[in-house]
PDB file of all heavy atoms in Angstrom:
ATOM      1  N   MET A   1      92.187  84.453  97.457  1.00  0.00           N
ATOM      2  CA  MET A   1      92.016  85.705  98.182  1.00  0.00           C
ATOM      3  C   MET A   1      90.874  85.531  99.150  1.00  0.00           C
ATOM      4  O   MET A   1      89.960  84.735  98.909  1.00  0.00           O
ATOM      5  CB  MET A   1      91.716  86.868  97.227  1.00  0.00           C
ATOM      6  CG  MET A   1      91.735  88.234  97.892  1.00  0.00           C
ATOM      7  SD  MET A   1      93.348  88.616  98.619  1.00  0.00           S
ATOM      8  CE  MET A   1      92.969  89.988  99.673  1.00  0.00           C
ATOM      9  N   ILE A   2      90.905  86.261 100.252  1.00  0.00           N
ATOM     10  CA  ILE A   2      89.799  86.270 101.189  1.00  0.00           C
ATOM     11  C   ILE A   2      88.660  87.067 100.563  1.00  0.00           C
ATOM     12  O   ILE A   2      88.895  88.061  99.867  1.00  0.00           O
ATOM     13  CB  ILE A   2      90.234  86.878 102.547  1.00  0.00           C
ATOM     14  CG1 ILE A   2      89.279  86.485 103.664  1.00  0.00           C
ATOM     15  CG2 ILE A   2      90.368  88.371 102.456  1.00  0.00           C
ATOM     16  CD1 ILE A   2      89.390  85.051 104.095  1.00  0.00           C
ATOM     17  N   PRO A   3      87.408  86.669 100.751  1.00  0.00           N
ATOM     18  CA  PRO A   3      86.301  87.432 100.163  1.00  0.00           C
ATOM     19  C   PRO A   3      86.059  88.726 100.922  1.00  0.00           C
ATOM     20  O   PRO A   3      86.514  88.899 102.055  1.00  0.00           O
ATOM     21  CB  PRO A   3      85.109  86.480 100.299  1.00  0.00           C
ATOM     22  CG  PRO A   3      85.432  85.643 101.485  1.00  0.00           C
ATOM     23  CD  PRO A   3      86.937  85.458 101.448  1.00  0.00           C
ATOM     24  N   PRO A   4      85.318  89.640 100.324  1.00  0.00           N
ATOM     25  CA  PRO A   4      84.950  90.869 101.040  1.00  0.00           C
ATOM     26  C   PRO A   4      83.999  90.560 102.190  1.00  0.00           C
ATOM     27  O   PRO A   4      83.391  89.491 102.258  1.00  0.00           O
ATOM     28  CB  PRO A   4      84.238  91.706  99.968  1.00  0.00           C
ATOM     29  CG  PRO A   4      84.559  91.061  98.662  1.00  0.00           C
ATOM     30  CD  PRO A   4      84.799  89.624  98.951  1.00  0.00           C
ATOM     31  N   ASP A   5      83.859  91.512 103.098  1.00  0.00           N
ATOM     32  CA  ASP A   5      82.814  91.426 104.112  1.00  0.00           C
ATOM     33  C   ASP A   5      81.455  91.459 103.412  1.00  0.00           C
ATOM     34  O   ASP A   5      81.282  92.166 102.420  1.00  0.00           O
ATOM     35  CB  ASP A   5      82.888  92.620 105.064  1.00  0.00           C
ATOM     36  CG  ASP A   5      84.207  92.678 105.829  1.00  0.00           C
ATOM     37  OD1 ASP A   5      84.873  91.639 105.924  1.00  0.00           O
ATOM     38  OD2 ASP A   5      84.561  93.759 106.316  1.00  0.00           O
ATOM     39  N   VAL A   6      80.499  90.690 103.925  1.00  0.00           N
ATOM     40  CA  VAL A   6      79.158  90.703 103.347  1.00  0.00           C
ATOM     41  C   VAL A   6      78.136  90.975 104.438  1.00  0.00           C
ATOM     42  O   VAL A   6      78.399  90.816 105.628  1.00  0.00           O
ATOM     43  CB  VAL A   6      78.829  89.384 102.616  1.00  0.00           C
ATOM     44  CG1 VAL A   6      79.686  89.229 101.384  1.00  0.00           C
ATOM     45  CG2 VAL A   6      79.002  88.183 103.534  1.00  0.00           C
ATOM     46  N   ALA A   7      76.952  91.364 104.016  1.00  0.00           N
ATOM     47  CA  ALA A   7      75.898  91.737 104.955  1.00  0.00           C
ATOM     48  C   ALA A   7      75.393  90.526 105.730  1.00  0.00           C
ATOM     49  O   ALA A   7      75.467  89.383 105.264  1.00  0.00           O
ATOM     50  CB  ALA A   7      74.733  92.377 104.194  1.00  0.00           C
ATOM     51  N   ILE A   8      74.863  90.777 106.910  1.00  0.00           N
ATOM     52  CA  ILE A   8      74.248  89.732 107.715  1.00  0.00           C
ATOM     53  C   ILE A   8      73.114  89.087 106.912  1.00  0.00           C
ATOM     54  O   ILE A   8      72.375  89.773 106.189  1.00  0.00           O
ATOM     55  CB  ILE A   8      73.735  90.305 109.048  1.00  0.00           C
ATOM     56  CG1 ILE A   8      73.217  89.188 109.957  1.00  0.00           C
ATOM     57  CG2 ILE A   8      72.688  91.387 108.833  1.00  0.00           C
ATOM     58  CD1 ILE A   8      72.901  89.656 111.370  1.00  0.00           C
ATOM     59  N   CYS A   9      72.983  87.770 106.999  1.00  0.00           N
ATOM     60  CA  CYS A   9      71.953  87.068 106.232  1.00  0.00           C
ATOM     61  C   CYS A   9      70.615  87.115 106.976  1.00  0.00           C
ATOM     62  O   CYS A   9      70.547  87.392 108.174  1.00  0.00           O
ATOM     63  CB  CYS A   9      72.373  85.629 105.952  1.00  0.00           C
ATOM     64  SG  CYS A   9      72.463  84.573 107.428  1.00  0.00           S
ATOM     65  N   ASP A  10      69.537  86.800 106.255  1.00  0.00           N
ATOM     66  CA  ASP A  10      68.196  86.839 106.841  1.00  0.00           C
ATOM     67  C   ASP A  10      68.054  85.850 107.987  1.00  0.00           C
ATOM     68  O   ASP A  10      67.364  86.126 108.977  1.00  0.00           O
ATOM     69  CB  ASP A  10      67.149  86.547 105.770  1.00  0.00           C
ATOM     70  CG  ASP A  10      67.039  87.662 104.736  1.00  0.00           C
ATOM     71  OD1 ASP A  10      67.501  88.787 105.033  1.00  0.00           O
ATOM     72  OD2 ASP A  10      66.506  87.410 103.640  1.00  0.00           O
ATOM     73  N   ALA A  11      68.711  84.685 107.869  1.00  0.00           N
ATOM     74  CA  ALA A  11      68.602  83.676 108.925  1.00  0.00           C
ATOM     75  C   ALA A  11      69.205  84.186 110.226  1.00  0.00           C
ATOM     76  O   ALA A  11      68.661  83.954 111.319  1.00  0.00           O
ATOM     77  CB  ALA A  11      69.284  82.381 108.486  1.00  0.00           C
ATOM     78  N   CYS A  12      70.335  84.895 110.127  1.00  0.00           N
ATOM     79  CA  CYS A  12      70.952  85.441 111.338  1.00  0.00           C
ATOM     80  C   CYS A  12      70.128  86.591 111.916  1.00  0.00           C
ATOM     81  O   CYS A  12      70.063  86.763 113.137  1.00  0.00           O
ATOM     82  CB  CYS A  12      72.385  85.882 111.050  1.00  0.00           C
ATOM     83  SG  CYS A  12      73.562  84.500 110.945  1.00  0.00           S
ATOM     84  N   VAL A  13      69.497  87.387 111.052  1.00  0.00           N
ATOM     85  CA  VAL A  13      68.597  88.433 111.554  1.00  0.00           C
ATOM     86  C   VAL A  13      67.447  87.800 112.333  1.00  0.00           C
ATOM     87  O   VAL A  13      67.063  88.289 113.407  1.00  0.00           O
ATOM     88  CB  VAL A  13      68.068  89.304 110.398  1.00  0.00           C
ATOM     89  CG1 VAL A  13      66.997  90.273 110.902  1.00  0.00           C
ATOM     90  CG2 VAL A  13      69.203  90.085 109.741  1.00  0.00           C
ATOM     91  N   ARG A  14      66.903  86.696 111.816  1.00  0.00           N
ATOM     92  CA  ARG A  14      65.830  86.006 112.543  1.00  0.00           C
ATOM     93  C   ARG A  14      66.332  85.494 113.888  1.00  0.00           C
ATOM     94  O   ARG A  14      65.613  85.546 114.889  1.00  0.00           O
ATOM     95  CB  ARG A  14      65.279  84.856 111.702  1.00  0.00           C
ATOM     96  CG  ARG A  14      64.413  85.296 110.536  1.00  0.00           C
ATOM     97  CD  ARG A  14      63.646  84.138 109.935  1.00  0.00           C
ATOM     98  NE  ARG A  14      64.530  83.162 109.307  1.00  0.00           N
ATOM     99  CZ  ARG A  14      64.919  83.221 108.043  1.00  0.00           C
ATOM    100  NH1 ARG A  14      64.512  84.224 107.261  1.00  0.00           N
ATOM    101  NH2 ARG A  14      65.720  82.303 107.534  1.00  0.00           N
ATOM    102  N   ASP A  15      67.572  85.003 113.914  1.00  0.00           N
ATOM    103  CA  ASP A  15      68.137  84.541 115.189  1.00  0.00           C
ATOM    104  C   ASP A  15      68.210  85.689 116.202  1.00  0.00           C
ATOM    105  O   ASP A  15      67.919  85.512 117.385  1.00  0.00           O
ATOM    106  CB  ASP A  15      69.545  83.968 114.969  1.00  0.00           C
ATOM    107  CG  ASP A  15      69.522  82.610 114.288  1.00  0.00           C
ATOM    108  OD1 ASP A  15      68.457  81.977 114.255  1.00  0.00           O
ATOM    109  OD2 ASP A  15      70.584  82.201 113.786  1.00  0.00           O
ATOM    110  N   ILE A  16      68.619  86.859 115.739  1.00  0.00           N
ATOM    111  CA  ILE A  16      68.715  88.018 116.621  1.00  0.00           C
ATOM    112  C   ILE A  16      67.337  88.413 117.147  1.00  0.00           C
ATOM    113  O   ILE A  16      67.188  88.813 118.311  1.00  0.00           O
ATOM    114  CB  ILE A  16      69.363  89.200 115.874  1.00  0.00           C
ATOM    115  CG1 ILE A  16      70.838  88.915 115.580  1.00  0.00           C
ATOM    116  CG2 ILE A  16      69.252  90.493 116.679  1.00  0.00           C
ATOM    117  CD1 ILE A  16      71.495  89.953 114.696  1.00  0.00           C
ATOM    118  N   ASP A  17      66.333  88.275 116.294  1.00  0.00           N
ATOM    119  CA  ASP A  17      64.977  88.725 116.642  1.00  0.00           C
ATOM    120  C   ASP A  17      64.158  87.683 117.397  1.00  0.00           C
ATOM    121  O   ASP A  17      63.031  87.973 117.804  1.00  0.00           O
ATOM    122  CB  ASP A  17      64.221  89.112 115.361  1.00  0.00           C
ATOM    123  CG  ASP A  17      64.794  90.362 114.702  1.00  0.00           C
ATOM    124  OD1 ASP A  17      65.488  91.123 115.395  1.00  0.00           O
ATOM    125  OD2 ASP A  17      64.544  90.558 113.498  1.00  0.00           O
ATOM    126  N   THR A  18      64.698  86.472 117.554  1.00  0.00           N
ATOM    127  CA  THR A  18      63.939  85.398 118.209  1.00  0.00           C
ATOM    128  C   THR A  18      64.133  85.444 119.724  1.00  0.00           C
ATOM    129  O   THR A  18      65.228  85.162 120.217  1.00  0.00           O
ATOM    130  CB  THR A  18      64.379  84.016 117.678  1.00  0.00           C
ATOM    131  OG1 THR A  18      64.184  83.981 116.262  1.00  0.00           O
ATOM    132  CG2 THR A  18      63.563  82.908 118.344  1.00  0.00           C
ATOM    133  N   PRO A  19      63.093  85.814 120.486  1.00  0.00           N
ATOM    134  CA  PRO A  19      63.228  85.885 121.948  1.00  0.00           C
ATOM    135  C   PRO A  19      63.585  84.523 122.541  1.00  0.00           C
ATOM    136  O   PRO A  19      63.067  83.484 122.112  1.00  0.00           O
ATOM    137  CB  PRO A  19      61.830  86.326 122.416  1.00  0.00           C
ATOM    138  CG  PRO A  19      61.200  86.948 121.208  1.00  0.00           C
ATOM    139  CD  PRO A  19      61.744  86.194 120.030  1.00  0.00           C
ATOM    140  N   GLY A  20      64.494  84.543 123.483  1.00  0.00           N
ATOM    141  CA  GLY A  20      64.871  83.315 124.173  1.00  0.00           C
ATOM    142  C   GLY A  20      65.911  82.483 123.464  1.00  0.00           C
ATOM    143  O   GLY A  20      66.434  81.518 124.041  1.00  0.00           O
ATOM    144  N   GLY A  21      66.238  82.821 122.229  1.00  0.00           N
ATOM    145  CA  GLY A  21      67.243  82.067 121.493  1.00  0.00           C
ATOM    146  C   GLY A  21      68.649  82.429 121.930  1.00  0.00           C
ATOM    147  O   GLY A  21      68.878  83.435 122.601  1.00  0.00           O
ATOM    148  N   ARG A  22      69.627  81.617 121.518  1.00  0.00           N
ATOM    149  CA  ARG A  22      71.016  81.869 121.918  1.00  0.00           C
ATOM    150  C   ARG A  22      71.545  83.192 121.387  1.00  0.00           C
ATOM    151  O   ARG A  22      72.437  83.796 121.969  1.00  0.00           O
ATOM    152  CB  ARG A  22      71.923  80.744 121.406  1.00  0.00           C
ATOM    153  CG  ARG A  22      71.881  79.503 122.239  1.00  0.00           C
ATOM    154  CD  ARG A  22      73.160  78.672 122.221  1.00  0.00           C
ATOM    155  NE  ARG A  22      73.983  78.715 121.046  1.00  0.00           N
ATOM    156  CZ  ARG A  22      75.186  79.308 120.997  1.00  0.00           C
ATOM    157  NH1 ARG A  22      75.668  79.926 122.048  1.00  0.00           N
ATOM    158  NH2 ARG A  22      75.902  79.265 119.892  1.00  0.00           N
ATOM    159  N   TYR A  23      71.015  83.623 120.255  1.00  0.00           N
ATOM    160  CA  TYR A  23      71.536  84.832 119.619  1.00  0.00           C
ATOM    161  C   TYR A  23      70.592  86.019 119.753  1.00  0.00           C
ATOM    162  O   TYR A  23      70.811  87.051 119.111  1.00  0.00           O
ATOM    163  CB  TYR A  23      71.828  84.541 118.141  1.00  0.00           C
ATOM    164  CG  TYR A  23      72.832  83.436 117.958  1.00  0.00           C
ATOM    165  CD1 TYR A  23      72.416  82.135 117.690  1.00  0.00           C
ATOM    166  CD2 TYR A  23      74.189  83.678 118.094  1.00  0.00           C
ATOM    167  CE1 TYR A  23      73.338  81.101 117.546  1.00  0.00           C
ATOM    168  CE2 TYR A  23      75.116  82.662 117.955  1.00  0.00           C
ATOM    169  CZ  TYR A  23      74.691  81.375 117.681  1.00  0.00           C
ATOM    170  OH  TYR A  23      75.610  80.362 117.553  1.00  0.00           O
ATOM    171  N   ALA A  24      69.580  85.887 120.563  1.00  0.00           N
ATOM    172  CA  ALA A  24      68.606  86.971 120.732  1.00  0.00           C
ATOM    173  C   ALA A  24      69.307  88.258 121.170  1.00  0.00           C
ATOM    174  O   ALA A  24      69.997  88.292 122.192  1.00  0.00           O
ATOM    175  CB  ALA A  24      67.551  86.576 121.756  1.00  0.00           C
ATOM    176  N   GLY A  25      69.167  89.294 120.366  1.00  0.00           N
ATOM    177  CA  GLY A  25      69.726  90.594 120.710  1.00  0.00           C
ATOM    178  C   GLY A  25      71.233  90.691 120.643  1.00  0.00           C
ATOM    179  O   GLY A  25      71.801  91.708 121.060  1.00  0.00           O
ATOM    180  N   TYR A  26      71.922  89.669 120.053  1.00  0.00           N
ATOM    181  CA  TYR A  26      73.388  89.718 120.029  1.00  0.00           C
ATOM    182  C   TYR A  26      73.876  90.378 118.745  1.00  0.00           C
ATOM    183  O   TYR A  26      73.608  89.919 117.640  1.00  0.00           O
ATOM    184  CB  TYR A  26      74.000  88.333 120.177  1.00  0.00           C
ATOM    185  CG  TYR A  26      75.516  88.404 120.239  1.00  0.00           C
ATOM    186  CD1 TYR A  26      76.138  89.177 121.218  1.00  0.00           C
ATOM    187  CD2 TYR A  26      76.311  87.763 119.299  1.00  0.00           C
ATOM    188  CE1 TYR A  26      77.519  89.304 121.270  1.00  0.00           C
ATOM    189  CE2 TYR A  26      77.690  87.869 119.344  1.00  0.00           C
ATOM    190  CZ  TYR A  26      78.287  88.646 120.327  1.00  0.00           C
ATOM    191  OH  TYR A  26      79.653  88.779 120.378  1.00  0.00           O
ATOM    192  N   TRP A  27      74.651  91.412 118.874  1.00  0.00           N
ATOM    193  CA  TRP A  27      75.014  92.303 117.779  1.00  0.00           C
ATOM    194  C   TRP A  27      75.937  91.670 116.745  1.00  0.00           C
ATOM    195  O   TRP A  27      75.907  92.047 115.570  1.00  0.00           O
ATOM    196  CB  TRP A  27      75.688  93.560 118.334  1.00  0.00           C
ATOM    197  CG  TRP A  27      77.112  93.323 118.766  1.00  0.00           C
ATOM    198  CD1 TRP A  27      77.523  92.835 119.953  1.00  0.00           C
ATOM    199  CD2 TRP A  27      78.289  93.542 117.983  1.00  0.00           C
ATOM    200  NE1 TRP A  27      78.891  92.728 119.992  1.00  0.00           N
ATOM    201  CE2 TRP A  27      79.390  93.160 118.793  1.00  0.00           C
ATOM    202  CE3 TRP A  27      78.530  94.017 116.698  1.00  0.00           C
ATOM    203  CZ2 TRP A  27      80.704  93.246 118.337  1.00  0.00           C
ATOM    204  CZ3 TRP A  27      79.835  94.097 116.248  1.00  0.00           C
ATOM    205  CH2 TRP A  27      80.908  93.719 117.062  1.00  0.00           C
ATOM    206  N   ALA A  28      76.788  90.705 117.154  1.00  0.00           N
ATOM    207  CA  ALA A  28      77.807  90.154 116.244  1.00  0.00           C
ATOM    208  C   ALA A  28      77.425  88.780 115.722  1.00  0.00           C
ATOM    209  O   ALA A  28      78.293  87.981 115.380  1.00  0.00           O
ATOM    210  CB  ALA A  28      79.162  90.103 116.941  1.00  0.00           C
ATOM    211  N   THR A  29      76.147  88.496 115.638  1.00  0.00           N
ATOM    212  CA  THR A  29      75.680  87.205 115.133  1.00  0.00           C
ATOM    213  C   THR A  29      76.036  87.052 113.653  1.00  0.00           C
ATOM    214  O   THR A  29      75.837  87.972 112.852  1.00  0.00           O
ATOM    215  CB  THR A  29      74.160  87.093 115.315  1.00  0.00           C
ATOM    216  OG1 THR A  29      73.853  87.195 116.710  1.00  0.00           O
ATOM    217  CG2 THR A  29      73.630  85.778 114.780  1.00  0.00           C
ATOM    218  N   SER A  30      76.581  85.876 113.297  1.00  0.00           N
ATOM    219  CA  SER A  30      76.911  85.594 111.896  1.00  0.00           C
ATOM    220  C   SER A  30      76.985  84.089 111.699  1.00  0.00           C
ATOM    221  O   SER A  30      76.857  83.311 112.648  1.00  0.00           O
ATOM    222  CB  SER A  30      78.238  86.245 111.496  1.00  0.00           C
ATOM    223  OG  SER A  30      79.316  85.668 112.215  1.00  0.00           O
ATOM    224  N   CYS A  31      77.211  83.672 110.454  1.00  0.00           N
ATOM    225  CA  CYS A  31      77.337  82.239 110.147  1.00  0.00           C
ATOM    226  C   CYS A  31      78.285  82.078 108.958  1.00  0.00           C
ATOM    227  O   CYS A  31      78.942  83.048 108.547  1.00  0.00           O
ATOM    228  CB  CYS A  31      75.962  81.625 109.862  1.00  0.00           C
ATOM    229  SG  CYS A  31      75.184  82.207 108.336  1.00  0.00           S
ATOM    230  N   VAL A  32      78.340  80.877 108.388  1.00  0.00           N
ATOM    231  CA  VAL A  32      79.271  80.664 107.270  1.00  0.00           C
ATOM    232  C   VAL A  32      78.883  81.466 106.034  1.00  0.00           C
ATOM    233  O   VAL A  32      79.700  81.660 105.135  1.00  0.00           O
ATOM    234  CB  VAL A  32      79.367  79.164 106.879  1.00  0.00           C
ATOM    235  CG1 VAL A  32      80.008  78.363 107.978  1.00  0.00           C
ATOM    236  CG2 VAL A  32      78.013  78.609 106.495  1.00  0.00           C
ATOM    237  N   ASN A  33      77.642  81.943 105.982  1.00  0.00           N
ATOM    238  CA  ASN A  33      77.154  82.628 104.787  1.00  0.00           C
ATOM    239  C   ASN A  33      77.176  84.147 104.892  1.00  0.00           C
ATOM    240  O   ASN A  33      76.762  84.824 103.947  1.00  0.00           O
ATOM    241  CB  ASN A  33      75.721  82.177 104.484  1.00  0.00           C
ATOM    242  CG  ASN A  33      75.636  80.692 104.186  1.00  0.00           C
ATOM    243  OD1 ASN A  33      76.482  80.149 103.486  1.00  0.00           O
ATOM    244  ND2 ASN A  33      74.625  80.035 104.727  1.00  0.00           N
ATOM    245  N   CYS A  34      77.626  84.692 106.020  1.00  0.00           N
ATOM    246  CA  CYS A  34      77.530  86.139 106.157  1.00  0.00           C
ATOM    247  C   CYS A  34      78.550  86.669 107.162  1.00  0.00           C
ATOM    248  O   CYS A  34      79.208  85.902 107.863  1.00  0.00           O
ATOM    249  CB  CYS A  34      76.112  86.539 106.596  1.00  0.00           C
ATOM    250  SG  CYS A  34      75.675  86.088 108.292  1.00  0.00           S
ATOM    251  N   GLY A  35      78.627  87.998 107.211  1.00  0.00           N
ATOM    252  CA  GLY A  35      79.445  88.645 108.225  1.00  0.00           C
ATOM    253  C   GLY A  35      80.808  89.091 107.740  1.00  0.00           C
ATOM    254  O   GLY A  35      81.130  89.062 106.552  1.00  0.00           O
ATOM    255  N   PRO A  36      81.662  89.512 108.680  1.00  0.00           N
ATOM    256  CA  PRO A  36      82.978  90.046 108.322  1.00  0.00           C
ATOM    257  C   PRO A  36      83.925  88.966 107.814  1.00  0.00           C
ATOM    258  O   PRO A  36      83.883  87.826 108.280  1.00  0.00           O
ATOM    259  CB  PRO A  36      83.479  90.650 109.638  1.00  0.00           C
ATOM    260  CG  PRO A  36      82.779  89.874 110.702  1.00  0.00           C
ATOM    261  CD  PRO A  36      81.429  89.541 110.141  1.00  0.00           C
ATOM    262  N   ARG A  37      84.761  89.328 106.878  1.00  0.00           N
ATOM    263  CA  ARG A  37      85.808  88.445 106.367  1.00  0.00           C
ATOM    264  C   ARG A  37      87.115  89.244 106.258  1.00  0.00           C
ATOM    265  O   ARG A  37      87.996  89.130 107.073  1.00  0.00           O
ATOM    266  CB  ARG A  37      85.416  87.860 104.992  1.00  0.00           C
ATOM    267  CG  ARG A  37      84.192  86.952 105.015  1.00  0.00           C
ATOM    268  CD  ARG A  37      84.407  85.682 105.816  1.00  0.00           C
ATOM    269  NE  ARG A  37      83.340  84.706 105.634  1.00  0.00           N
ATOM    270  CZ  ARG A  37      82.217  84.649 106.337  1.00  0.00           C
ATOM    271  NH1 ARG A  37      81.976  85.551 107.267  1.00  0.00           N
ATOM    272  NH2 ARG A  37      81.321  83.696 106.119  1.00  0.00           N
ATOM    273  N   TYR A  38      87.192  90.098 105.232  1.00  0.00           N
ATOM    274  CA  TYR A  38      88.407  90.873 105.000  1.00  0.00           C
ATOM    275  C   TYR A  38      88.761  91.753 106.197  1.00  0.00           C
ATOM    276  O   TYR A  38      89.931  91.884 106.558  1.00  0.00           O
ATOM    277  CB  TYR A  38      88.237  91.737 103.749  1.00  0.00           C
ATOM    278  CG  TYR A  38      89.372  92.697 103.498  1.00  0.00           C
ATOM    279  CD1 TYR A  38      90.617  92.236 103.069  1.00  0.00           C
ATOM    280  CD2 TYR A  38      89.215  94.069 103.694  1.00  0.00           C
ATOM    281  CE1 TYR A  38      91.669  93.119 102.845  1.00  0.00           C
ATOM    282  CE2 TYR A  38      90.250  94.950 103.469  1.00  0.00           C
ATOM    283  CZ  TYR A  38      91.481  94.474 103.041  1.00  0.00           C
ATOM    284  OH  TYR A  38      92.515  95.356 102.826  1.00  0.00           O
ATOM    285  N   SER A  39      87.767  92.343 106.833  1.00  0.00           N
ATOM    286  CA  SER A  39      88.050  93.302 107.904  1.00  0.00           C
ATOM    287  C   SER A  39      88.658  92.651 109.141  1.00  0.00           C
ATOM    288  O   SER A  39      89.222  93.357 109.989  1.00  0.00           O
ATOM    289  CB  SER A  39      86.778  94.063 108.293  1.00  0.00           C
ATOM    290  OG  SER A  39      85.816  93.178 108.832  1.00  0.00           O
ATOM    291  N   ILE A  40      88.572  91.314 109.253  1.00  0.00           N
ATOM    292  CA  ILE A  40      89.103  90.659 110.456  1.00  0.00           C
ATOM    293  C   ILE A  40      90.297  89.756 110.181  1.00  0.00           C
ATOM    294  O   ILE A  40      90.932  89.261 111.113  1.00  0.00           O
ATOM    295  CB  ILE A  40      88.010  89.827 111.169  1.00  0.00           C
ATOM    296  CG1 ILE A  40      87.527  88.676 110.275  1.00  0.00           C
ATOM    297  CG2 ILE A  40      86.853  90.703 111.615  1.00  0.00           C
ATOM    298  CD1 ILE A  40      86.632  87.674 110.997  1.00  0.00           C
ATOM    299  N   ILE A  41      90.662  89.532 108.924  1.00  0.00           N
ATOM    300  CA  ILE A  41      91.698  88.555 108.591  1.00  0.00           C
ATOM    301  C   ILE A  41      93.096  89.148 108.791  1.00  0.00           C
ATOM    302  O   ILE A  41      93.357  90.300 108.469  1.00  0.00           O
ATOM    303  CB  ILE A  41      91.551  88.062 107.130  1.00  0.00           C
ATOM    304  CG1 ILE A  41      92.511  86.910 106.825  1.00  0.00           C
ATOM    305  CG2 ILE A  41      91.746  89.198 106.147  1.00  0.00           C
ATOM    306  CD1 ILE A  41      92.140  85.627 107.494  1.00  0.00           C
ATOM    307  N   ARG A  42      93.978  88.338 109.369  1.00  0.00           N
ATOM    308  CA  ARG A  42      95.382  88.738 109.500  1.00  0.00           C
ATOM    309  C   ARG A  42      96.246  88.030 108.463  1.00  0.00           C
ATOM    310  O   ARG A  42      97.111  88.626 107.856  1.00  0.00           O
ATOM    311  CB  ARG A  42      95.886  88.422 110.909  1.00  0.00           C
ATOM    312  CG  ARG A  42      95.237  89.277 111.996  1.00  0.00           C
ATOM    313  CD  ARG A  42      96.027  89.214 113.308  1.00  0.00           C
ATOM    314  NE  ARG A  42      95.445  90.111 114.294  1.00  0.00           N
ATOM    315  CZ  ARG A  42      94.605  89.740 115.248  1.00  0.00           C
ATOM    316  NH1 ARG A  42      94.243  88.468 115.354  1.00  0.00           N
ATOM    317  NH2 ARG A  42      94.106  90.617 116.101  1.00  0.00           N
ATOM    318  N   THR A  43      96.022  86.743 108.306  1.00  0.00           N
ATOM    319  CA  THR A  43      96.807  85.976 107.346  1.00  0.00           C
ATOM    320  C   THR A  43      96.032  84.724 106.966  1.00  0.00           C
ATOM    321  O   THR A  43      95.039  84.371 107.609  1.00  0.00           O
ATOM    322  CB  THR A  43      98.186  85.600 107.934  1.00  0.00           C
ATOM    323  OG1 THR A  43      98.985  84.991 106.918  1.00  0.00           O
ATOM    324  CG2 THR A  43      98.051  84.643 109.100  1.00  0.00           C
ATOM    325  N   LEU A  44      96.463  84.080 105.901  1.00  0.00           N
ATOM    326  CA  LEU A  44      95.841  82.837 105.446  1.00  0.00           C
ATOM    327  C   LEU A  44      96.673  81.648 105.909  1.00  0.00           C
ATOM    328  O   LEU A  44      97.871  81.786 106.140  1.00  0.00           O
ATOM    329  CB  LEU A  44      95.730  82.845 103.911  1.00  0.00           C
ATOM    330  CG  LEU A  44      94.722  83.837 103.331  1.00  0.00           C
ATOM    331  CD1 LEU A  44      94.864  83.893 101.814  1.00  0.00           C
ATOM    332  CD2 LEU A  44      93.299  83.454 103.708  1.00  0.00           C
TER     333      LEU A  44
END
């Protein structure tokens, strides 16, 4: 089964908060350890 959606991880929050980084201020930042799963899956 696909896992449930999980909360953004601390590392991704740091990426969002790091000025000048690739993910600075980006709302949909995620990685293999966090973010949407079930809410975006169509099929396996």
